[in-house]
Amino acid sequence: MLEQYSGSLQPVQIVTEILADCDRKNDFSRSVEELAEKYKVSTRTLQRYFETHTGISTKKVLQILRVRKAVEQLLESPEEFELAKFGYYDHSHFYKHLKQFLQKTTVQKLQPHLRLLEVLHK
């Protein structure tokens, strides 16, 4: 019976593998086209897989993962935090994503750390 539905699990396995791989390698810079090519599906099919199994687009999922990893690092050891390590080219780029994905109160709690970042990167 399981073999009958084994093909239907392929999209879930692809999405799960992409997310785990990006998280493990801290690499959120790969394009949807590159990811689709690696898994031998069209970009539209990969987009559908992500939208079906996560509820949001591939790009949005990867942005969320990236900002979460960055925030984890920022909170754990702000003195070692590097924007470039997470694919952000400057503080405003990071802050823009941070505001998009966090609640207003959470951003307010991070203000001291964000000010520290501004000082460190000047």
PDB file of N, CA and C in Angstrom:
ATOM      1  N   MET A   1       0.818  -1.183   0.000  1.00  0.00           N
ATOM      2  CA  MET A   1       0.000   0.000   0.000  1.00  0.00           C
ATOM      3  C   MET A   1       0.875   1.265   0.000  1.00  0.00           C
ATOM      4  N   LEU A   2       1.958   1.240   0.777  1.00  0.00           N
ATOM      5  CA  LEU A   2       2.859   2.387   0.816  1.00  0.00           C
ATOM      6  C   LEU A   2       3.499   2.654  -0.538  1.00  0.00           C
ATOM      7  N   GLU A   3       3.854   1.602  -1.245  1.00  0.00           N
ATOM      8  CA  GLU A   3       4.472   1.745  -2.549  1.00  0.00           C
ATOM      9  C   GLU A   3       3.534   2.453  -3.532  1.00  0.00           C
ATOM     10  N   GLN A   4       2.260   2.263  -3.367  1.00  0.00           N
ATOM     11  CA  GLN A   4       1.273   2.887  -4.240  1.00  0.00           C
ATOM     12  C   GLN A   4       1.354   4.411  -4.143  1.00  0.00           C
ATOM     13  N   TYR A   5       1.697   4.941  -2.965  1.00  0.00           N
ATOM     14  CA  TYR A   5       1.743   6.385  -2.752  1.00  0.00           C
ATOM     15  C   TYR A   5       3.160   6.940  -2.641  1.00  0.00           C
ATOM     16  N   SER A   6       4.158   6.128  -2.937  1.00  0.00           N
ATOM     17  CA  SER A   6       5.548   6.563  -2.757  1.00  0.00           C
ATOM     18  C   SER A   6       5.890   7.782  -3.610  1.00  0.00           C
ATOM     19  N   GLY A   7       5.352   7.886  -4.799  1.00  0.00           N
ATOM     20  CA  GLY A   7       5.623   9.037  -5.659  1.00  0.00           C
ATOM     21  C   GLY A   7       5.056  10.330  -5.117  1.00  0.00           C
ATOM     22  N   SER A   8       3.988  10.248  -4.347  1.00  0.00           N
ATOM     23  CA  SER A   8       3.367  11.456  -3.814  1.00  0.00           C
ATOM     24  C   SER A   8       4.195  12.080  -2.696  1.00  0.00           C
ATOM     25  N   LEU A   9       5.147  11.321  -2.158  1.00  0.00           N
ATOM     26  CA  LEU A   9       6.010  11.859  -1.112  1.00  0.00           C
ATOM     27  C   LEU A   9       7.218  12.606  -1.671  1.00  0.00           C
ATOM     28  N   GLN A  10       7.478  12.462  -2.960  1.00  0.00           N
ATOM     29  CA  GLN A  10       8.641  13.107  -3.576  1.00  0.00           C
ATOM     30  C   GLN A  10       8.650  14.618  -3.359  1.00  0.00           C
ATOM     31  N   PRO A  11       7.552  15.343  -3.579  1.00  0.00           N
ATOM     32  CA  PRO A  11       7.588  16.790  -3.346  1.00  0.00           C
ATOM     33  C   PRO A  11       7.945  17.151  -1.900  1.00  0.00           C
ATOM     34  N   VAL A  12       7.426  16.402  -0.951  1.00  0.00           N
ATOM     35  CA  VAL A  12       7.723  16.660   0.460  1.00  0.00           C
ATOM     36  C   VAL A  12       9.202  16.407   0.726  1.00  0.00           C
ATOM     37  N   GLN A  13       9.734  15.335   0.161  1.00  0.00           N
ATOM     38  CA  GLN A  13      11.145  15.020   0.353  1.00  0.00           C
ATOM     39  C   GLN A  13      12.039  16.093  -0.254  1.00  0.00           C
ATOM     40  N   ILE A  14      11.672  16.608  -1.412  1.00  0.00           N
ATOM     41  CA  ILE A  14      12.467  17.653  -2.068  1.00  0.00           C
ATOM     42  C   ILE A  14      12.461  18.921  -1.222  1.00  0.00           C
ATOM     43  N   VAL A  15      11.299  19.359  -0.799  1.00  0.00           N
ATOM     44  CA  VAL A  15      11.193  20.579   0.013  1.00  0.00           C
ATOM     45  C   VAL A  15      11.972  20.409   1.321  1.00  0.00           C
ATOM     46  N   THR A  16      11.789  19.279   1.974  1.00  0.00           N
ATOM     47  CA  THR A  16      12.473  19.014   3.243  1.00  0.00           C
ATOM     48  C   THR A  16      13.986  19.000   3.060  1.00  0.00           C
ATOM     49  N   GLU A  17      14.443  18.371   2.002  1.00  0.00           N
ATOM     50  CA  GLU A  17      15.888  18.296   1.747  1.00  0.00           C
ATOM     51  C   GLU A  17      16.475  19.673   1.446  1.00  0.00           C
ATOM     52  N   ILE A  18      15.775  20.471   0.672  1.00  0.00           N
ATOM     53  CA  ILE A  18      16.257  21.818   0.363  1.00  0.00           C
ATOM     54  C   ILE A  18      16.368  22.649   1.641  1.00  0.00           C
ATOM     55  N   LEU A  19      15.341  22.609   2.468  1.00  0.00           N
ATOM     56  CA  LEU A  19      15.350  23.386   3.708  1.00  0.00           C
ATOM     57  C   LEU A  19      16.467  22.922   4.639  1.00  0.00           C
ATOM     58  N   ALA A  20      16.618  21.614   4.788  1.00  0.00           N
ATOM     59  CA  ALA A  20      17.667  21.084   5.670  1.00  0.00           C
ATOM     60  C   ALA A  20      19.048  21.439   5.148  1.00  0.00           C
ATOM     61  N   ASP A  21      19.236  21.339   3.844  1.00  0.00           N
ATOM     62  CA  ASP A  21      20.521  21.639   3.227  1.00  0.00           C
ATOM     63  C   ASP A  21      20.883  23.115   3.396  1.00  0.00           C
ATOM     64  N   CYS A  22      19.942  23.999   3.136  1.00  0.00           N
ATOM     65  CA  CYS A  22      20.185  25.445   3.290  1.00  0.00           C
ATOM     66  C   CYS A  22      20.497  25.781   4.742  1.00  0.00           C
ATOM     67  N   ASP A  23      19.752  25.194   5.653  1.00  0.00           N
ATOM     68  CA  ASP A  23      19.947  25.451   7.079  1.00  0.00           C
ATOM     69  C   ASP A  23      21.303  24.929   7.543  1.00  0.00           C
ATOM     70  N   ARG A  24      21.648  23.734   7.150  1.00  0.00           N
ATOM     71  CA  ARG A  24      22.902  23.106   7.577  1.00  0.00           C
ATOM     72  C   ARG A  24      24.117  23.857   7.028  1.00  0.00           C
ATOM     73  N   LYS A  25      24.056  24.235   5.763  1.00  0.00           N
ATOM     74  CA  LYS A  25      25.198  24.897   5.119  1.00  0.00           C
ATOM     75  C   LYS A  25      25.177  26.413   5.290  1.00  0.00           C
ATOM     76  N   ASN A  26      24.096  26.927   5.856  1.00  0.00           N
ATOM     77  CA  ASN A  26      23.936  28.369   6.012  1.00  0.00           C
ATOM     78  C   ASN A  26      24.061  29.066   4.650  1.00  0.00           C
ATOM     79  N   ASP A  27      23.485  28.450   3.631  1.00  0.00           N
ATOM     80  CA  ASP A  27      23.564  28.961   2.265  1.00  0.00           C
ATOM     81  C   ASP A  27      22.153  29.251   1.759  1.00  0.00           C
ATOM     82  N   PHE A  28      21.819  30.532   1.730  1.00  0.00           N
ATOM     83  CA  PHE A  28      20.491  30.939   1.291  1.00  0.00           C
ATOM     84  C   PHE A  28      20.564  31.736  -0.016  1.00  0.00           C
ATOM     85  N   SER A  29      21.697  31.637  -0.686  1.00  0.00           N
ATOM     86  CA  SER A  29      21.914  32.444  -1.879  1.00  0.00           C
ATOM     87  C   SER A  29      21.571  31.724  -3.182  1.00  0.00           C
ATOM     88  N   ARG A  30      21.293  30.444  -3.107  1.00  0.00           N
ATOM     89  CA  ARG A  30      20.988  29.698  -4.331  1.00  0.00           C
ATOM     90  C   ARG A  30      19.633  30.115  -4.885  1.00  0.00           C
ATOM     91  N   SER A  31      19.590  30.259  -6.189  1.00  0.00           N
ATOM     92  CA  SER A  31      18.350  30.686  -6.831  1.00  0.00           C
ATOM     93  C   SER A  31      17.383  29.510  -6.963  1.00  0.00           C
ATOM     94  N   VAL A  32      16.132  29.845  -7.180  1.00  0.00           N
ATOM     95  CA  VAL A  32      15.097  28.829  -7.383  1.00  0.00           C
ATOM     96  C   VAL A  32      15.452  28.002  -8.618  1.00  0.00           C
ATOM     97  N   GLU A  33      15.998  28.656  -9.635  1.00  0.00           N
ATOM     98  CA  GLU A  33      16.387  27.951 -10.853  1.00  0.00           C
ATOM     99  C   GLU A  33      17.465  26.896 -10.577  1.00  0.00           C
ATOM    100  N   GLU A  34      18.460  27.260  -9.755  1.00  0.00           N
ATOM    101  CA  GLU A  34      19.520  26.310  -9.404  1.00  0.00           C
ATOM    102  C   GLU A  34      18.954  25.119  -8.630  1.00  0.00           C
ATOM    103  N   LEU A  35      18.092  25.418  -7.685  1.00  0.00           N
ATOM    104  CA  LEU A  35      17.493  24.349  -6.879  1.00  0.00           C
ATOM    105  C   LEU A  35      16.639  23.432  -7.737  1.00  0.00           C
ATOM    106  N   ALA A  36      15.849  24.007  -8.634  1.00  0.00           N
ATOM    107  CA  ALA A  36      14.995  23.201  -9.514  1.00  0.00           C
ATOM    108  C   ALA A  36      15.849  22.307 -10.419  1.00  0.00           C
ATOM    109  N   GLU A  37      16.926  22.868 -10.939  1.00  0.00           N
ATOM    110  CA  GLU A  37      17.811  22.089 -11.805  1.00  0.00           C
ATOM    111  C   GLU A  37      18.422  20.910 -11.043  1.00  0.00           C
ATOM    112  N   LYS A  38      18.831  21.152  -9.806  1.00  0.00           N
ATOM    113  CA  LYS A  38      19.433  20.088  -8.990  1.00  0.00           C
ATOM    114  C   LYS A  38      18.465  18.924  -8.795  1.00  0.00           C
ATOM    115  N   TYR A  39      17.184  19.236  -8.618  1.00  0.00           N
ATOM    116  CA  TYR A  39      16.189  18.188  -8.369  1.00  0.00           C
ATOM    117  C   TYR A  39      15.444  17.749  -9.631  1.00  0.00           C
ATOM    118  N   LYS A  40      15.910  18.273 -10.770  1.00  0.00           N
ATOM    119  CA  LYS A  40      15.365  17.887 -12.072  1.00  0.00           C
ATOM    120  C   LYS A  40      13.858  18.096 -12.175  1.00  0.00           C
ATOM    121  N   VAL A  41      13.423  19.281 -11.726  1.00  0.00           N
ATOM    122  CA  VAL A  41      12.036  19.708 -11.886  1.00  0.00           C
ATOM    123  C   VAL A  41      12.061  21.126 -12.434  1.00  0.00           C
ATOM    124  N   SER A  42      10.956  21.575 -12.967  1.00  0.00           N
ATOM    125  CA  SER A  42      10.897  22.947 -13.463  1.00  0.00           C
ATOM    126  C   SER A  42      10.808  23.917 -12.278  1.00  0.00           C
ATOM    127  N   THR A  43      11.143  25.152 -12.529  1.00  0.00           N
ATOM    128  CA  THR A  43      11.061  26.149 -11.455  1.00  0.00           C
ATOM    129  C   THR A  43       9.620  26.305 -10.985  1.00  0.00           C
ATOM    130  N   ARG A  44       8.692  26.262 -11.901  1.00  0.00           N
ATOM    131  CA  ARG A  44       7.282  26.380 -11.533  1.00  0.00           C
ATOM    132  C   ARG A  44       6.833  25.200 -10.669  1.00  0.00           C
ATOM    133  N   THR A  45       7.300  24.013 -11.003  1.00  0.00           N
ATOM    134  CA  THR A  45       6.958  22.834 -10.201  1.00  0.00           C
ATOM    135  C   THR A  45       7.531  22.974  -8.795  1.00  0.00           C
ATOM    136  N   LEU A  46       8.775  23.426  -8.692  1.00  0.00           N
ATOM    137  CA  LEU A  46       9.382  23.616  -7.373  1.00  0.00           C
ATOM    138  C   LEU A  46       8.611  24.673  -6.578  1.00  0.00           C
ATOM    139  N   GLN A  47       8.196  25.741  -7.251  1.00  0.00           N
ATOM    140  CA  GLN A  47       7.388  26.770  -6.580  1.00  0.00           C
ATOM    141  C   GLN A  47       6.089  26.159  -6.048  1.00  0.00           C
ATOM    142  N   ARG A  48       5.468  25.343  -6.862  1.00  0.00           N
ATOM    143  CA  ARG A  48       4.222  24.677  -6.435  1.00  0.00           C
ATOM    144  C   ARG A  48       4.454  23.770  -5.238  1.00  0.00           C
ATOM    145  N   TYR A  49       5.552  23.032  -5.258  1.00  0.00           N
ATOM    146  CA  TYR A  49       5.889  22.163  -4.123  1.00  0.00           C
ATOM    147  C   TYR A  49       5.983  22.980  -2.838  1.00  0.00           C
ATOM    148  N   PHE A  50       6.696  24.097  -2.911  1.00  0.00           N
ATOM    149  CA  PHE A  50       6.869  24.931  -1.719  1.00  0.00           C
ATOM    150  C   PHE A  50       5.547  25.544  -1.275  1.00  0.00           C
ATOM    151  N   GLU A  51       4.788  26.049  -2.218  1.00  0.00           N
ATOM    152  CA  GLU A  51       3.513  26.673  -1.859  1.00  0.00           C
ATOM    153  C   GLU A  51       2.531  25.653  -1.281  1.00  0.00           C
ATOM    154  N   THR A  52       2.541  24.440  -1.808  1.00  0.00           N
ATOM    155  CA  THR A  52       1.653  23.390  -1.317  1.00  0.00           C
ATOM    156  C   THR A  52       2.061  22.924   0.078  1.00  0.00           C
ATOM    157  N   HIS A  53       3.357  22.748   0.297  1.00  0.00           N
ATOM    158  CA  HIS A  53       3.818  22.112   1.528  1.00  0.00           C
ATOM    159  C   HIS A  53       4.258  23.087   2.619  1.00  0.00           C
ATOM    160  N   THR A  54       4.446  24.369   2.274  1.00  0.00           N
ATOM    161  CA  THR A  54       4.799  25.343   3.308  1.00  0.00           C
ATOM    162  C   THR A  54       3.784  26.483   3.375  1.00  0.00           C
ATOM    163  N   GLY A  55       3.031  26.656   2.307  1.00  0.00           N
ATOM    164  CA  GLY A  55       2.044  27.731   2.276  1.00  0.00           C
ATOM    165  C   GLY A  55       2.582  29.048   1.734  1.00  0.00           C
ATOM    166  N   ILE A  56       3.890  29.108   1.469  1.00  0.00           N
ATOM    167  CA  ILE A  56       4.495  30.338   0.928  1.00  0.00           C
ATOM    168  C   ILE A  56       5.512  29.988  -0.151  1.00  0.00           C
ATOM    169  N   SER A  57       5.990  30.998  -0.860  1.00  0.00           N
ATOM    170  CA  SER A  57       6.903  30.780  -1.984  1.00  0.00           C
ATOM    171  C   SER A  57       8.291  30.349  -1.514  1.00  0.00           C
ATOM    172  N   THR A  58       9.044  29.785  -2.442  1.00  0.00           N
ATOM    173  CA  THR A  58      10.407  29.340  -2.174  1.00  0.00           C
ATOM    174  C   THR A  58      11.253  30.486  -1.648  1.00  0.00           C
ATOM    175  N   LYS A  59      11.193  31.605  -2.330  1.00  0.00           N
ATOM    176  CA  LYS A  59      12.005  32.770  -1.944  1.00  0.00           C
ATOM    177  C   LYS A  59      11.667  33.234  -0.522  1.00  0.00           C
ATOM    178  N   LYS A  60      10.397  33.288  -0.207  1.00  0.00           N
ATOM    179  CA  LYS A  60       9.958  33.731   1.116  1.00  0.00           C
ATOM    180  C   LYS A  60      10.425  32.762   2.202  1.00  0.00           C
ATOM    181  N   VAL A  61      10.326  31.454   1.926  1.00  0.00           N
ATOM    182  CA  VAL A  61      10.776  30.439   2.891  1.00  0.00           C
ATOM    183  C   VAL A  61      12.266  30.613   3.173  1.00  0.00           C
ATOM    184  N   LEU A  62      13.061  30.778   2.121  1.00  0.00           N
ATOM    185  CA  LEU A  62      14.505  30.923   2.298  1.00  0.00           C
ATOM    186  C   LEU A  62      14.848  32.220   3.029  1.00  0.00           C
ATOM    187  N   GLN A  63      14.083  33.289   2.777  1.00  0.00           N
ATOM    188  CA  GLN A  63      14.300  34.543   3.509  1.00  0.00           C
ATOM    189  C   GLN A  63      14.013  34.362   4.995  1.00  0.00           C
ATOM    190  N   ILE A  64      12.961  33.649   5.304  1.00  0.00           N
ATOM    191  CA  ILE A  64      12.603  33.405   6.704  1.00  0.00           C
ATOM    192  C   ILE A  64      13.702  32.589   7.393  1.00  0.00           C
ATOM    193  N   LEU A  65      14.155  31.540   6.741  1.00  0.00           N
ATOM    194  CA  LEU A  65      15.237  30.730   7.311  1.00  0.00           C
ATOM    195  C   LEU A  65      16.486  31.576   7.544  1.00  0.00           C
ATOM    196  N   ARG A  66      16.800  32.386   6.562  1.00  0.00           N
ATOM    197  CA  ARG A  66      18.010  33.216   6.656  1.00  0.00           C
ATOM    198  C   ARG A  66      17.923  34.197   7.812  1.00  0.00           C
ATOM    199  N   VAL A  67      16.812  34.900   7.939  1.00  0.00           N
ATOM    200  CA  VAL A  67      16.695  35.886   9.003  1.00  0.00           C
ATOM    201  C   VAL A  67      16.638  35.196  10.363  1.00  0.00           C
ATOM    202  N   ARG A  68      16.028  34.035  10.443  1.00  0.00           N
ATOM    203  CA  ARG A  68      15.999  33.288  11.715  1.00  0.00           C
ATOM    204  C   ARG A  68      17.401  32.886  12.147  1.00  0.00           C
ATOM    205  N   LYS A  69      18.178  32.356  11.206  1.00  0.00           N
ATOM    206  CA  LYS A  69      19.552  31.971  11.527  1.00  0.00           C
ATOM    207  C   LYS A  69      20.360  33.190  11.952  1.00  0.00           C
ATOM    208  N   ALA A  70      20.166  34.292  11.274  1.00  0.00           N
ATOM    209  CA  ALA A  70      20.890  35.521  11.615  1.00  0.00           C
ATOM    210  C   ALA A  70      20.511  36.002  13.012  1.00  0.00           C
ATOM    211  N   VAL A  71      19.234  35.977  13.333  1.00  0.00           N
ATOM    212  CA  VAL A  71      18.773  36.415  14.655  1.00  0.00           C
ATOM    213  C   VAL A  71      19.307  35.486  15.746  1.00  0.00           C
ATOM    214  N   GLU A  72      19.311  34.195  15.488  1.00  0.00           N
ATOM    215  CA  GLU A  72      19.880  33.242  16.456  1.00  0.00           C
ATOM    216  C   GLU A  72      21.321  33.617  16.777  1.00  0.00           C
ATOM    217  N   GLN A  73      22.099  33.843  15.726  1.00  0.00           N
ATOM    218  CA  GLN A  73      23.512  34.205  15.911  1.00  0.00           C
ATOM    219  C   GLN A  73      23.638  35.541  16.640  1.00  0.00           C
ATOM    220  N   LEU A  74      22.817  36.483  16.280  1.00  0.00           N
ATOM    221  CA  LEU A  74      22.854  37.809  16.902  1.00  0.00           C
ATOM    222  C   LEU A  74      22.556  37.725  18.392  1.00  0.00           C
ATOM    223  N   LEU A  75      21.579  36.919  18.758  1.00  0.00           N
ATOM    224  CA  LEU A  75      21.212  36.797  20.158  1.00  0.00           C
ATOM    225  C   LEU A  75      22.212  35.960  20.961  1.00  0.00           C
ATOM    226  N   GLU A  76      22.763  34.933  20.336  1.00  0.00           N
ATOM    227  CA  GLU A  76      23.712  34.065  21.036  1.00  0.00           C
ATOM    228  C   GLU A  76      25.056  34.738  21.271  1.00  0.00           C
ATOM    229  N   SER A  77      25.566  35.404  20.253  1.00  0.00           N
ATOM    230  CA  SER A  77      26.867  36.067  20.396  1.00  0.00           C
ATOM    231  C   SER A  77      26.935  37.278  19.471  1.00  0.00           C
ATOM    232  N   PRO A  78      26.372  38.394  19.922  1.00  0.00           N
ATOM    233  CA  PRO A  78      26.338  39.601  19.086  1.00  0.00           C
ATOM    234  C   PRO A  78      27.720  40.105  18.685  1.00  0.00           C
ATOM    235  N   GLU A  79      28.722  39.841  19.503  1.00  0.00           N
ATOM    236  CA  GLU A  79      30.076  40.309  19.184  1.00  0.00           C
ATOM    237  C   GLU A  79      30.680  39.574  17.997  1.00  0.00           C
ATOM    238  N   GLU A  80      30.187  38.383  17.690  1.00  0.00           N
ATOM    239  CA  GLU A  80      30.695  37.591  16.571  1.00  0.00           C
ATOM    240  C   GLU A  80      29.795  37.667  15.334  1.00  0.00           C
ATOM    241  N   PHE A  81      28.719  38.399  15.428  1.00  0.00           N
ATOM    242  CA  PHE A  81      27.746  38.450  14.340  1.00  0.00           C
ATOM    243  C   PHE A  81      28.313  39.185  13.129  1.00  0.00           C
ATOM    244  N   GLU A  82      28.173  38.561  11.965  1.00  0.00           N
ATOM    245  CA  GLU A  82      28.613  39.164  10.706  1.00  0.00           C
ATOM    246  C   GLU A  82      27.459  39.103   9.713  1.00  0.00           C
ATOM    247  N   LEU A  83      27.066  40.251   9.202  1.00  0.00           N
ATOM    248  CA  LEU A  83      25.961  40.325   8.247  1.00  0.00           C
ATOM    249  C   LEU A  83      26.236  39.510   6.986  1.00  0.00           C
ATOM    250  N   ALA A  84      27.451  39.616   6.476  1.00  0.00           N
ATOM    251  CA  ALA A  84      27.808  38.951   5.217  1.00  0.00           C
ATOM    252  C   ALA A  84      27.687  37.432   5.317  1.00  0.00           C
ATOM    253  N   LYS A  85      27.873  36.895   6.492  1.00  0.00           N
ATOM    254  CA  LYS A  85      27.780  35.450   6.702  1.00  0.00           C
ATOM    255  C   LYS A  85      26.386  34.925   6.349  1.00  0.00           C
ATOM    256  N   PHE A  86      25.403  35.801   6.405  1.00  0.00           N
ATOM    257  CA  PHE A  86      24.028  35.419   6.120  1.00  0.00           C
ATOM    258  C   PHE A  86      23.519  36.016   4.805  1.00  0.00           C
ATOM    259  N   GLY A  87      24.429  36.553   4.018  1.00  0.00           N
ATOM    260  CA  GLY A  87      24.063  37.077   2.713  1.00  0.00           C
ATOM    261  C   GLY A  87      23.500  38.487   2.728  1.00  0.00           C
ATOM    262  N   TYR A  88      23.662  39.209   3.822  1.00  0.00           N
ATOM    263  CA  TYR A  88      23.207  40.601   3.885  1.00  0.00           C
ATOM    264  C   TYR A  88      24.378  41.503   3.555  1.00  0.00           C
ATOM    265  N   TYR A  89      24.150  42.481   2.703  1.00  0.00           N
ATOM    266  CA  TYR A  89      25.245  43.345   2.275  1.00  0.00           C
ATOM    267  C   TYR A  89      25.400  44.576   3.152  1.00  0.00           C
ATOM    268  N   ASP A  90      24.387  44.926   3.935  1.00  0.00           N
ATOM    269  CA  ASP A  90      24.533  46.024   4.887  1.00  0.00           C
ATOM    270  C   ASP A  90      23.466  45.928   5.975  1.00  0.00           C
ATOM    271  N   HIS A  91      23.596  46.772   6.975  1.00  0.00           N
ATOM    272  CA  HIS A  91      22.710  46.739   8.129  1.00  0.00           C
ATOM    273  C   HIS A  91      21.251  47.007   7.747  1.00  0.00           C
ATOM    274  N   SER A  92      21.018  47.953   6.836  1.00  0.00           N
ATOM    275  CA  SER A  92      19.638  48.293   6.469  1.00  0.00           C
ATOM    276  C   SER A  92      18.949  47.127   5.754  1.00  0.00           C
ATOM    277  N   HIS A  93      19.699  46.376   4.970  1.00  0.00           N
ATOM    278  CA  HIS A  93      19.165  45.201   4.277  1.00  0.00           C
ATOM    279  C   HIS A  93      18.697  44.165   5.309  1.00  0.00           C
ATOM    280  N   PHE A  94      19.524  43.908   6.308  1.00  0.00           N
ATOM    281  CA  PHE A  94      19.170  42.985   7.381  1.00  0.00           C
ATOM    282  C   PHE A  94      17.969  43.493   8.173  1.00  0.00           C
ATOM    283  N   TYR A  95      17.999  44.756   8.532  1.00  0.00           N
ATOM    284  CA  TYR A  95      16.928  45.344   9.338  1.00  0.00           C
ATOM    285  C   TYR A  95      15.584  45.294   8.602  1.00  0.00           C
ATOM    286  N   LYS A  96      15.609  45.508   7.297  1.00  0.00           N
ATOM    287  CA  LYS A  96      14.387  45.441   6.482  1.00  0.00           C
ATOM    288  C   LYS A  96      13.764  44.049   6.576  1.00  0.00           C
ATOM    289  N   HIS A  97      14.579  43.017   6.417  1.00  0.00           N
ATOM    290  CA  HIS A  97      14.065  41.649   6.526  1.00  0.00           C
ATOM    291  C   HIS A  97      13.618  41.342   7.944  1.00  0.00           C
ATOM    292  N   LEU A  98      14.347  41.839   8.902  1.00  0.00           N
ATOM    293  CA  LEU A  98      13.998  41.616  10.294  1.00  0.00           C
ATOM    294  C   LEU A  98      12.615  42.175  10.609  1.00  0.00           C
ATOM    295  N   LYS A  99      12.346  43.370  10.146  1.00  0.00           N
ATOM    296  CA  LYS A  99      11.035  43.996  10.381  1.00  0.00           C
ATOM    297  C   LYS A  99       9.920  43.241   9.670  1.00  0.00           C
ATOM    298  N   GLN A 100      10.195  42.704   8.509  1.00  0.00           N
ATOM    299  CA  GLN A 100       9.186  41.961   7.762  1.00  0.00           C
ATOM    300  C   GLN A 100       8.760  40.683   8.469  1.00  0.00           C
ATOM    301  N   PHE A 101       9.699  40.023   9.116  1.00  0.00           N
ATOM    302  CA  PHE A 101       9.435  38.694   9.639  1.00  0.00           C
ATOM    303  C   PHE A 101       9.241  38.602  11.147  1.00  0.00           C
ATOM    304  N   LEU A 102       9.501  39.667  11.856  1.00  0.00           N
ATOM    305  CA  LEU A 102       9.315  39.635  13.299  1.00  0.00           C
ATOM    306  C   LEU A 102       8.205  40.578  13.718  1.00  0.00           C
ATOM    307  N   GLN A 103       7.630  40.306  14.848  1.00  0.00           N
ATOM    308  CA  GLN A 103       6.617  41.199  15.381  1.00  0.00           C
ATOM    309  C   GLN A 103       7.286  42.479  15.855  1.00  0.00           C
ATOM    310  N   LYS A 104       6.520  43.548  15.912  1.00  0.00           N
ATOM    311  CA  LYS A 104       7.044  44.847  16.307  1.00  0.00           C
ATOM    312  C   LYS A 104       7.701  44.788  17.694  1.00  0.00           C
ATOM    313  N   THR A 105       7.088  44.088  18.625  1.00  0.00           N
ATOM    314  CA  THR A 105       7.651  44.021  19.988  1.00  0.00           C
ATOM    315  C   THR A 105       8.978  43.274  19.999  1.00  0.00           C
ATOM    316  N   THR A 106       9.115  42.271  19.149  1.00  0.00           N
ATOM    317  CA  THR A 106      10.371  41.521  19.083  1.00  0.00           C
ATOM    318  C   THR A 106      11.481  42.409  18.547  1.00  0.00           C
ATOM    319  N   VAL A 107      11.182  43.202  17.521  1.00  0.00           N
ATOM    320  CA  VAL A 107      12.172  44.119  16.964  1.00  0.00           C
ATOM    321  C   VAL A 107      12.580  45.141  18.027  1.00  0.00           C
ATOM    322  N   GLN A 108      11.630  45.602  18.809  1.00  0.00           N
ATOM    323  CA  GLN A 108      11.953  46.558  19.870  1.00  0.00           C
ATOM    324  C   GLN A 108      12.900  45.945  20.895  1.00  0.00           C
ATOM    325  N   LYS A 109      12.704  44.676  21.229  1.00  0.00           N
ATOM    326  CA  LYS A 109      13.582  44.000  22.183  1.00  0.00           C
ATOM    327  C   LYS A 109      15.002  43.849  21.634  1.00  0.00           C
ATOM    328  N   LEU A 110      15.127  43.779  20.309  1.00  0.00           N
ATOM    329  CA  LEU A 110      16.434  43.615  19.683  1.00  0.00           C
ATOM    330  C   LEU A 110      17.165  44.940  19.468  1.00  0.00           C
ATOM    331  N   GLN A 111      16.528  46.055  19.735  1.00  0.00           N
ATOM    332  CA  GLN A 111      17.125  47.357  19.467  1.00  0.00           C
ATOM    333  C   GLN A 111      18.537  47.520  20.029  1.00  0.00           C
ATOM    334  N   PRO A 112      18.807  47.124  21.285  1.00  0.00           N
ATOM    335  CA  PRO A 112      20.192  47.283  21.774  1.00  0.00           C
ATOM    336  C   PRO A 112      21.199  46.512  20.927  1.00  0.00           C
ATOM    337  N   HIS A 113      20.829  45.308  20.496  1.00  0.00           N
ATOM    338  CA  HIS A 113      21.728  44.509  19.661  1.00  0.00           C
ATOM    339  C   HIS A 113      21.899  45.152  18.282  1.00  0.00           C
ATOM    340  N   LEU A 114      20.831  45.702  17.755  1.00  0.00           N
ATOM    341  CA  LEU A 114      20.910  46.331  16.436  1.00  0.00           C
ATOM    342  C   LEU A 114      21.771  47.583  16.481  1.00  0.00           C
ATOM    343  N   ARG A 115      21.681  48.335  17.573  1.00  0.00           N
ATOM    344  CA  ARG A 115      22.542  49.516  17.732  1.00  0.00           C
ATOM    345  C   ARG A 115      24.007  49.085  17.809  1.00  0.00           C
ATOM    346  N   LEU A 116      24.251  47.997  18.511  1.00  0.00           N
ATOM    347  CA  LEU A 116      25.603  47.448  18.595  1.00  0.00           C
ATOM    348  C   LEU A 116      26.117  47.088  17.211  1.00  0.00           C
ATOM    349  N   LEU A 117      25.275  46.505  16.396  1.00  0.00           N
ATOM    350  CA  LEU A 117      25.644  46.172  15.024  1.00  0.00           C
ATOM    351  C   LEU A 117      26.037  47.405  14.227  1.00  0.00           C
ATOM    352  N   GLU A 118      25.248  48.454  14.351  1.00  0.00           N
ATOM    353  CA  GLU A 118      25.534  49.699  13.632  1.00  0.00           C
ATOM    354  C   GLU A 118      26.902  50.221  14.007  1.00  0.00           C
ATOM    355  N   VAL A 119      27.207  50.208  15.294  1.00  0.00           N
ATOM    356  CA  VAL A 119      28.495  50.709  15.758  1.00  0.00           C
ATOM    357  C   VAL A 119      29.639  49.816  15.263  1.00  0.00           C
ATOM    358  N   LEU A 120      29.444  48.515  15.322  1.00  0.00           N
ATOM    359  CA  LEU A 120      30.491  47.576  14.912  1.00  0.00           C
ATOM    360  C   LEU A 120      30.791  47.644  13.421  1.00  0.00           C
ATOM    361  N   HIS A 121      29.789  47.946  12.617  1.00  0.00           N
ATOM    362  CA  HIS A 121      29.981  47.928  11.155  1.00  0.00           C
ATOM    363  C   HIS A 121      30.262  49.289  10.556  1.00  0.00           C
ATOM    364  N   LYS A 122      30.543  50.261  11.387  1.00  0.00           N
ATOM    365  CA  LYS A 122      30.897  51.592  10.849  1.00  0.00           C
ATOM    366  C   LYS A 122      32.389  51.739  10.773  1.00  0.00           C
TER     367      LYS A 122
END
